[in-house]
N, C-alpha and C. Protein backbone atom coordinates (compact mmCIF):
# COMPACT_ATOMS: atom_id res chain seq x y z
N MET A 1 1.63 -16.37 5.13
CA MET A 1 1.61 -15.36 4.31
C MET A 1 2.89 -15.14 3.35
N GLN A 2 2.58 -15.16 1.96
CA GLN A 2 3.38 -15.17 0.77
C GLN A 2 2.89 -13.80 0.19
N ARG A 3 4.08 -13.18 -0.78
CA ARG A 3 3.88 -12.18 -1.60
C ARG A 3 4.57 -12.54 -3.14
N ALA A 4 3.84 -12.84 -3.78
CA ALA A 4 4.14 -12.85 -5.14
C ALA A 4 4.01 -12.00 -6.75
N THR A 5 5.12 -11.69 -7.25
CA THR A 5 4.72 -10.88 -8.47
C THR A 5 4.89 -11.80 -9.32
N ILE A 6 3.69 -11.58 -10.33
CA ILE A 6 3.48 -12.72 -12.00
C ILE A 6 3.69 -11.90 -12.82
N PHE A 7 4.57 -11.80 -13.75
CA PHE A 7 4.73 -10.86 -15.02
C PHE A 7 3.96 -11.80 -15.78
N VAL A 8 3.21 -11.49 -16.70
CA VAL A 8 2.44 -12.38 -17.72
C VAL A 8 2.31 -11.77 -19.40
N ARG A 9 3.16 -12.63 -20.04
CA ARG A 9 3.36 -11.96 -21.62
C ARG A 9 2.36 -12.85 -22.37
N GLY A 10 2.19 -12.09 -23.11
CA GLY A 10 1.32 -12.63 -24.31
C GLY A 10 0.12 -11.43 -24.93
N ARG A 11 -1.07 -11.94 -25.02
CA ARG A 11 -2.16 -11.17 -25.84
C ARG A 11 -3.05 -10.69 -24.41
N VAL A 12 -2.24 -10.01 -23.28
CA VAL A 12 -3.12 -9.71 -22.03
C VAL A 12 -3.47 -8.41 -22.03
N GLN A 13 -3.07 -7.55 -22.81
CA GLN A 13 -3.98 -6.36 -22.64
C GLN A 13 -4.82 -6.07 -23.61
N GLY A 14 -6.05 -5.29 -23.03
CA GLY A 14 -7.31 -4.71 -23.98
C GLY A 14 -8.40 -5.79 -24.16
N VAL A 15 -8.13 -6.84 -23.36
CA VAL A 15 -9.04 -8.32 -23.69
C VAL A 15 -9.90 -8.52 -22.43
N GLY A 16 -9.48 -7.74 -21.34
CA GLY A 16 -10.53 -8.09 -19.71
C GLY A 16 -9.51 -9.12 -19.06
N PHE A 17 -8.08 -8.93 -19.31
CA PHE A 17 -7.27 -10.25 -18.51
C PHE A 17 -7.33 -9.36 -17.16
N ARG A 18 -6.84 -8.20 -17.13
CA ARG A 18 -6.97 -7.70 -15.42
C ARG A 18 -8.11 -8.00 -14.55
N TRP A 19 -9.52 -7.94 -15.22
CA TRP A 19 -10.54 -7.82 -14.95
C TRP A 19 -10.55 -9.36 -14.38
N TRP A 20 -10.01 -10.49 -15.03
CA TRP A 20 -9.99 -11.91 -14.87
C TRP A 20 -9.47 -12.26 -13.90
N ALA A 21 -8.02 -11.75 -13.63
CA ALA A 21 -7.39 -11.58 -12.67
C ALA A 21 -7.94 -11.21 -11.32
N ARG A 22 -8.48 -10.03 -11.16
CA ARG A 22 -9.15 -9.27 -10.01
C ARG A 22 -9.86 -10.73 -9.49
N ALA A 23 -10.69 -10.98 -10.50
CA ALA A 23 -11.82 -12.14 -10.02
C ALA A 23 -11.33 -13.16 -9.40
N ARG A 24 -10.56 -13.96 -10.02
CA ARG A 24 -9.65 -14.97 -9.74
C ARG A 24 -8.95 -14.84 -8.38
N ALA A 25 -8.26 -13.65 -7.83
CA ALA A 25 -7.71 -13.35 -6.63
C ALA A 25 -8.69 -13.27 -5.68
N LEU A 26 -9.81 -12.38 -6.19
CA LEU A 26 -10.45 -12.40 -4.75
C LEU A 26 -11.44 -13.62 -4.42
N GLU A 27 -11.56 -14.68 -5.55
CA GLU A 27 -12.23 -15.72 -5.09
C GLU A 27 -11.32 -16.71 -4.21
N LEU A 28 -10.08 -16.54 -4.61
CA LEU A 28 -8.94 -17.16 -3.54
C LEU A 28 -8.56 -16.40 -2.69
N GLY A 29 -9.12 -15.32 -1.94
CA GLY A 29 -8.73 -14.75 -0.95
C GLY A 29 -7.29 -13.64 -0.78
N LEU A 30 -6.94 -13.71 -1.95
CA LEU A 30 -5.74 -12.99 -2.20
C LEU A 30 -5.53 -11.27 -2.39
N VAL A 31 -5.05 -10.53 -2.00
CA VAL A 31 -4.93 -9.07 -1.95
C VAL A 31 -3.75 -8.59 -2.94
N GLY A 32 -4.24 -7.66 -3.49
CA GLY A 32 -3.07 -6.75 -4.56
C GLY A 32 -3.57 -6.21 -5.30
N PHE A 33 -2.70 -6.30 -6.52
CA PHE A 33 -3.49 -5.41 -7.76
C PHE A 33 -2.90 -6.43 -9.22
N ALA A 34 -3.52 -5.98 -10.14
CA ALA A 34 -3.25 -6.29 -11.43
C ALA A 34 -3.03 -5.04 -12.57
N ARG A 35 -1.89 -4.50 -13.14
CA ARG A 35 -1.77 -3.71 -14.16
C ARG A 35 -1.13 -3.73 -15.28
N ASN A 36 -1.29 -2.96 -16.22
CA ASN A 36 -0.61 -3.05 -17.61
C ASN A 36 0.77 -2.59 -17.29
N LEU A 37 1.77 -2.98 -18.20
CA LEU A 37 2.91 -2.78 -18.11
C LEU A 37 3.14 -2.09 -19.36
N ASP A 38 3.70 -0.64 -19.52
CA ASP A 38 4.31 -0.18 -20.90
C ASP A 38 4.88 -1.30 -22.19
N ASP A 39 5.46 -2.22 -21.90
CA ASP A 39 5.87 -3.44 -22.70
C ASP A 39 4.60 -4.00 -23.08
N GLY A 40 3.45 -4.29 -23.04
CA GLY A 40 2.53 -5.29 -22.99
C GLY A 40 2.37 -6.52 -22.13
N ARG A 41 2.80 -6.24 -21.17
CA ARG A 41 2.82 -7.62 -20.25
C ARG A 41 1.88 -7.23 -19.16
N VAL A 42 1.09 -7.72 -18.15
CA VAL A 42 0.61 -7.56 -17.06
C VAL A 42 1.33 -8.07 -15.74
N GLU A 43 1.28 -7.13 -14.93
CA GLU A 43 1.71 -7.42 -13.65
C GLU A 43 0.81 -7.58 -12.61
N ILE A 44 0.78 -8.84 -11.91
CA ILE A 44 0.23 -9.14 -10.72
C ILE A 44 0.81 -9.58 -9.81
N CYS A 45 0.35 -8.65 -8.73
CA CYS A 45 1.13 -8.72 -7.74
C CYS A 45 -0.08 -9.15 -6.48
N ALA A 46 0.41 -10.32 -5.82
CA ALA A 46 -0.91 -11.18 -4.89
C ALA A 46 0.00 -11.21 -3.60
N GLN A 47 -0.80 -11.31 -2.64
CA GLN A 47 -0.49 -11.61 -1.39
C GLN A 47 -1.31 -12.41 -0.60
N GLY A 48 -0.99 -13.45 -0.04
CA GLY A 48 -1.67 -14.25 0.71
C GLY A 48 -1.44 -15.50 0.94
N SER A 49 -1.98 -16.83 1.08
CA SER A 49 -1.62 -17.73 1.46
C SER A 49 -0.89 -18.70 0.48
N PRO A 50 0.17 -19.65 1.09
CA PRO A 50 1.35 -20.21 -0.45
C PRO A 50 0.07 -20.95 -1.40
N GLY A 51 -0.72 -21.45 -0.62
CA GLY A 51 -1.84 -22.31 -1.58
C GLY A 51 -2.31 -21.50 -2.76
N ALA A 52 -2.63 -20.20 -2.32
CA ALA A 52 -3.69 -19.23 -3.03
C ALA A 52 -2.96 -18.93 -4.04
N ILE A 53 -1.43 -18.30 -3.90
CA ILE A 53 -0.53 -17.89 -4.84
C ILE A 53 -0.47 -18.96 -5.87
N GLY A 54 -0.11 -20.32 -5.58
CA GLY A 54 0.46 -21.27 -6.37
C GLY A 54 -0.80 -21.65 -7.38
N ARG A 55 -1.91 -21.38 -6.58
CA ARG A 55 -3.36 -21.74 -7.44
C ARG A 55 -3.52 -20.59 -8.17
N MET A 56 -3.44 -19.32 -8.16
CA MET A 56 -3.31 -18.18 -9.25
C MET A 56 -2.05 -18.39 -10.06
N ARG A 57 -1.21 -18.92 -9.93
CA ARG A 57 -0.14 -19.19 -10.95
C ARG A 57 -0.62 -20.04 -11.95
N ALA A 58 -1.41 -21.10 -11.19
CA ALA A 58 -1.80 -22.29 -12.09
C ALA A 58 -2.70 -21.84 -12.94
N LEU A 59 -3.75 -21.02 -12.84
CA LEU A 59 -4.64 -20.42 -13.28
C LEU A 59 -4.14 -19.65 -14.59
N VAL A 60 -3.03 -18.98 -14.30
CA VAL A 60 -2.75 -17.89 -15.42
C VAL A 60 -2.08 -18.55 -16.11
N GLU A 61 -1.41 -19.81 -16.15
CA GLU A 61 -0.62 -20.64 -17.29
C GLU A 61 -1.60 -21.63 -17.42
N GLU A 62 -2.68 -21.96 -17.17
CA GLU A 62 -3.23 -23.13 -17.48
C GLU A 62 -3.57 -23.12 -18.95
N GLU A 63 -3.86 -23.97 -19.70
CA GLU A 63 -3.90 -24.19 -21.34
C GLU A 63 -4.45 -25.56 -21.45
N PRO A 64 -5.84 -25.60 -21.92
CA PRO A 64 -6.62 -24.54 -21.92
C PRO A 64 -7.08 -23.98 -20.42
N SER A 65 -7.77 -23.02 -20.54
CA SER A 65 -8.28 -22.51 -19.27
C SER A 65 -9.59 -22.99 -18.85
N THR A 66 -9.77 -23.44 -17.94
CA THR A 66 -10.85 -23.61 -17.28
C THR A 66 -11.72 -22.66 -16.91
N THR A 67 -11.22 -21.65 -16.60
CA THR A 67 -12.00 -20.18 -15.94
C THR A 67 -12.12 -19.21 -17.08
N ASN A 68 -12.35 -19.73 -18.48
CA ASN A 68 -12.61 -18.43 -19.23
C ASN A 68 -11.53 -17.56 -19.44
N ARG A 69 -10.57 -17.75 -19.25
CA ARG A 69 -9.52 -16.52 -19.05
C ARG A 69 -9.40 -15.97 -20.51
N PRO A 70 -9.12 -14.70 -20.63
CA PRO A 70 -9.34 -13.89 -21.83
C PRO A 70 -8.01 -14.03 -22.23
N GLY A 71 -7.80 -13.51 -23.83
CA GLY A 71 -6.49 -13.52 -24.09
C GLY A 71 -5.42 -14.89 -24.41
N HIS A 72 -4.42 -14.70 -24.65
CA HIS A 72 -3.40 -15.55 -24.66
C HIS A 72 -2.28 -15.49 -23.86
N VAL A 73 -1.78 -16.18 -22.93
CA VAL A 73 -0.72 -16.10 -22.18
C VAL A 73 0.29 -17.08 -22.68
N GLN A 74 1.51 -16.36 -22.99
CA GLN A 74 2.71 -17.05 -23.84
C GLN A 74 3.92 -17.78 -22.66
N ALA A 75 4.02 -16.59 -21.52
CA ALA A 75 4.73 -16.74 -20.57
C ALA A 75 4.44 -16.46 -19.61
N CYS A 76 5.00 -16.82 -18.51
CA CYS A 76 4.74 -16.12 -17.05
C CYS A 76 6.03 -16.06 -16.23
N VAL A 77 6.75 -14.95 -15.48
CA VAL A 77 7.76 -15.24 -14.53
C VAL A 77 7.20 -14.72 -13.37
N VAL A 78 7.50 -15.49 -12.36
CA VAL A 78 7.09 -15.27 -10.78
C VAL A 78 8.51 -14.73 -10.01
N GLN A 79 8.02 -13.86 -9.00
CA GLN A 79 9.27 -13.23 -8.30
C GLN A 79 8.59 -13.10 -6.92
N SER A 80 9.42 -13.93 -6.17
CA SER A 80 8.75 -13.54 -4.46
C SER A 80 9.43 -12.63 -3.82
N GLY A 81 8.43 -12.02 -2.81
CA GLY A 81 8.71 -10.71 -2.14
C GLY A 81 8.33 -11.15 -0.95
N GLU A 82 8.92 -9.81 -0.13
CA GLU A 82 8.22 -10.11 1.40
C GLU A 82 6.76 -9.33 1.76
N PRO A 83 6.14 -10.29 2.36
CA PRO A 83 4.80 -9.75 2.58
C PRO A 83 4.84 -8.40 3.02
N ARG A 84 3.72 -7.50 2.59
CA ARG A 84 3.54 -6.21 3.29
C ARG A 84 2.39 -6.06 4.04
N ALA A 85 2.27 -4.98 5.08
CA ALA A 85 1.23 -5.23 6.32
C ALA A 85 0.61 -3.83 5.61
N GLY A 86 -0.99 -4.35 5.90
CA GLY A 86 -2.01 -2.98 5.98
C GLY A 86 -2.31 -3.27 4.32
N LEU A 87 -2.43 -4.18 3.54
CA LEU A 87 -2.90 -4.41 2.11
C LEU A 87 -4.40 -4.94 2.39
N SER A 88 -5.37 -4.48 1.41
CA SER A 88 -6.87 -4.64 1.61
C SER A 88 -7.14 -4.51 0.01
N GLY A 89 -8.24 -5.92 -0.54
CA GLY A 89 -8.82 -5.61 -1.47
C GLY A 89 -7.72 -6.21 -2.85
N PHE A 90 -8.34 -6.66 -3.85
CA PHE A 90 -7.60 -6.51 -5.08
C PHE A 90 -7.84 -5.58 -6.02
N ARG A 91 -7.30 -4.68 -6.72
CA ARG A 91 -7.58 -3.78 -7.64
C ARG A 91 -7.03 -3.78 -9.17
N GLU A 92 -7.50 -3.53 -9.86
CA GLU A 92 -6.95 -3.29 -11.27
C GLU A 92 -6.62 -1.80 -11.70
N ARG A 93 -5.13 -1.89 -11.73
CA ARG A 93 -4.45 -0.38 -11.81
C ARG A 93 -4.40 -0.30 -13.22
């Protein structure tokens, strides 16, 4: 079990990006959330298997997108963290 926070920069707010991230996370069996940040980025906090975390990151960065990712991703930064107990589902905040 791994936990990663992915900060996504680009045109990612107001275009359905969080909804897309939630759909991909649920397909991958991840738990966590995606939320808009005040500076225009989206924060994706995801927890699950290392393979699923890696696939989520790859889908966020993929250009061109094979999953109809909305908006445009300029960059993303990933931070690893300790898994948290008791998380379930994946939410848009």
